[in-house]
Amino acid sequence: MFFSILKKEKDFSTIEYKKIRFTLNLPGGHNVLNCIAALCISELYGITPEEGTKALFSFAGIERRLEKVFSGSNIDIYDDCA
């Protein structure tokens, strides 16, 4: 299984997995690692890399989990009710 983290920003990361490039619209390095693990496991269950990356690209997270509620004055505030 081959992947590359091409760009890592505060609110998103650009990942290439098996020559498919997509943006993960979730903050944090841990979400990048979770994404890569999900793609690897999904292939074991017969989901193609194209299907897996499409699903992850469309995933925007869940309500109140790393949800940005304010951005300004050089500060970001998140609601993270886990």
Protein backbone atom coordinates (compact mmCIF):
# COMPACT_ATOMS: atom_id res chain seq x y z
CA MET A 1 0.00 0.00 0.00
CA PHE A 2 1.54 3.30 -1.08
CA PHE A 3 0.63 6.78 0.11
CA SER A 4 2.16 10.25 0.35
CA ILE A 5 1.18 13.27 2.39
CA LEU A 6 1.69 16.03 -0.16
CA LYS A 7 0.53 19.06 1.80
CA LYS A 8 -0.32 19.39 5.46
CA GLU A 9 -2.21 22.54 6.44
CA LYS A 10 -3.95 23.53 9.64
CA ASP A 11 -7.47 22.62 8.43
CA PHE A 12 -6.81 20.07 5.69
CA SER A 13 -4.23 17.77 4.13
CA THR A 14 -3.61 16.70 0.55
CA ILE A 15 -2.89 12.99 0.27
CA GLU A 16 -1.92 10.76 -2.63
CA TYR A 17 -2.92 7.12 -2.32
CA LYS A 18 -2.09 4.71 -5.14
CA LYS A 19 -1.71 7.64 -7.57
CA ILE A 20 -5.08 9.13 -6.55
CA ARG A 21 -4.73 12.64 -5.14
CA PHE A 22 -7.41 14.06 -2.83
CA THR A 23 -7.89 16.55 -0.03
CA LEU A 24 -8.96 15.40 3.41
CA ASN A 25 -11.09 18.19 4.84
CA LEU A 26 -10.36 17.39 8.48
CA PRO A 27 -7.75 19.04 10.69
CA GLY A 28 -4.95 17.21 12.46
CA GLY A 29 -2.27 14.69 11.65
CA HIS A 30 -4.18 11.98 13.51
CA ASN A 31 -7.00 12.28 10.96
CA VAL A 32 -4.51 11.77 8.14
CA LEU A 33 -3.31 8.56 9.78
CA ASN A 34 -6.91 7.42 10.38
CA CYS A 35 -7.69 8.11 6.73
CA ILE A 36 -4.76 6.05 5.50
CA ALA A 37 -5.68 3.18 7.83
CA ALA A 38 -9.29 3.30 6.59
CA LEU A 39 -8.14 3.11 2.96
CA CYS A 40 -5.88 0.13 3.66
CA ILE A 41 -8.59 -1.77 5.55
CA SER A 42 -11.27 -0.94 2.98
CA GLU A 43 -9.18 -2.56 0.25
CA LEU A 44 -9.09 -5.77 2.26
CA TYR A 45 -12.90 -5.74 2.05
CA GLY A 46 -12.97 -5.20 -1.72
CA ILE A 47 -13.44 -1.44 -1.85
CA THR A 48 -11.38 0.08 -4.65
CA PRO A 49 -8.96 2.94 -3.95
CA GLU A 50 -11.16 5.18 -6.13
CA GLU A 51 -14.28 4.40 -4.07
CA GLY A 52 -12.42 4.80 -0.79
CA THR A 53 -10.84 8.15 -1.64
CA LYS A 54 -14.16 9.45 -3.00
CA ALA A 55 -15.88 8.57 0.28
CA LEU A 56 -13.15 10.19 2.38
CA PHE A 57 -13.14 13.32 0.20
CA SER A 58 -16.86 13.80 0.85
CA PHE A 59 -16.60 13.21 4.62
CA ALA A 60 -16.73 16.54 6.48
CA GLY A 61 -16.69 15.21 10.02
CA ILE A 62 -19.46 15.09 12.57
CA GLU A 63 -21.19 17.82 14.53
CA ARG A 64 -19.28 19.12 17.55
CA ARG A 65 -16.16 17.09 16.75
CA LEU A 66 -13.31 19.47 15.85
CA GLU A 67 -15.92 21.94 14.58
CA LYS A 68 -14.43 25.40 14.04
CA VAL A 69 -16.69 27.96 15.74
CA PHE A 70 -14.51 31.06 15.47
CA SER A 71 -11.55 32.23 13.42
CA GLY A 72 -10.00 35.65 13.75
CA SER A 73 -7.35 37.78 15.46
CA ASN A 74 -4.76 35.02 14.83
CA ILE A 75 -6.78 32.46 16.80
CA ASP A 76 -9.07 29.56 15.92
CA ILE A 77 -11.59 28.18 18.40
CA TYR A 78 -12.96 24.67 18.01
CA ASP A 79 -15.86 22.83 19.62
CA ASP A 80 -14.54 19.35 20.37
CA CYS A 81 -17.10 17.49 22.43
CA ALA A 82 -15.86 13.92 22.35
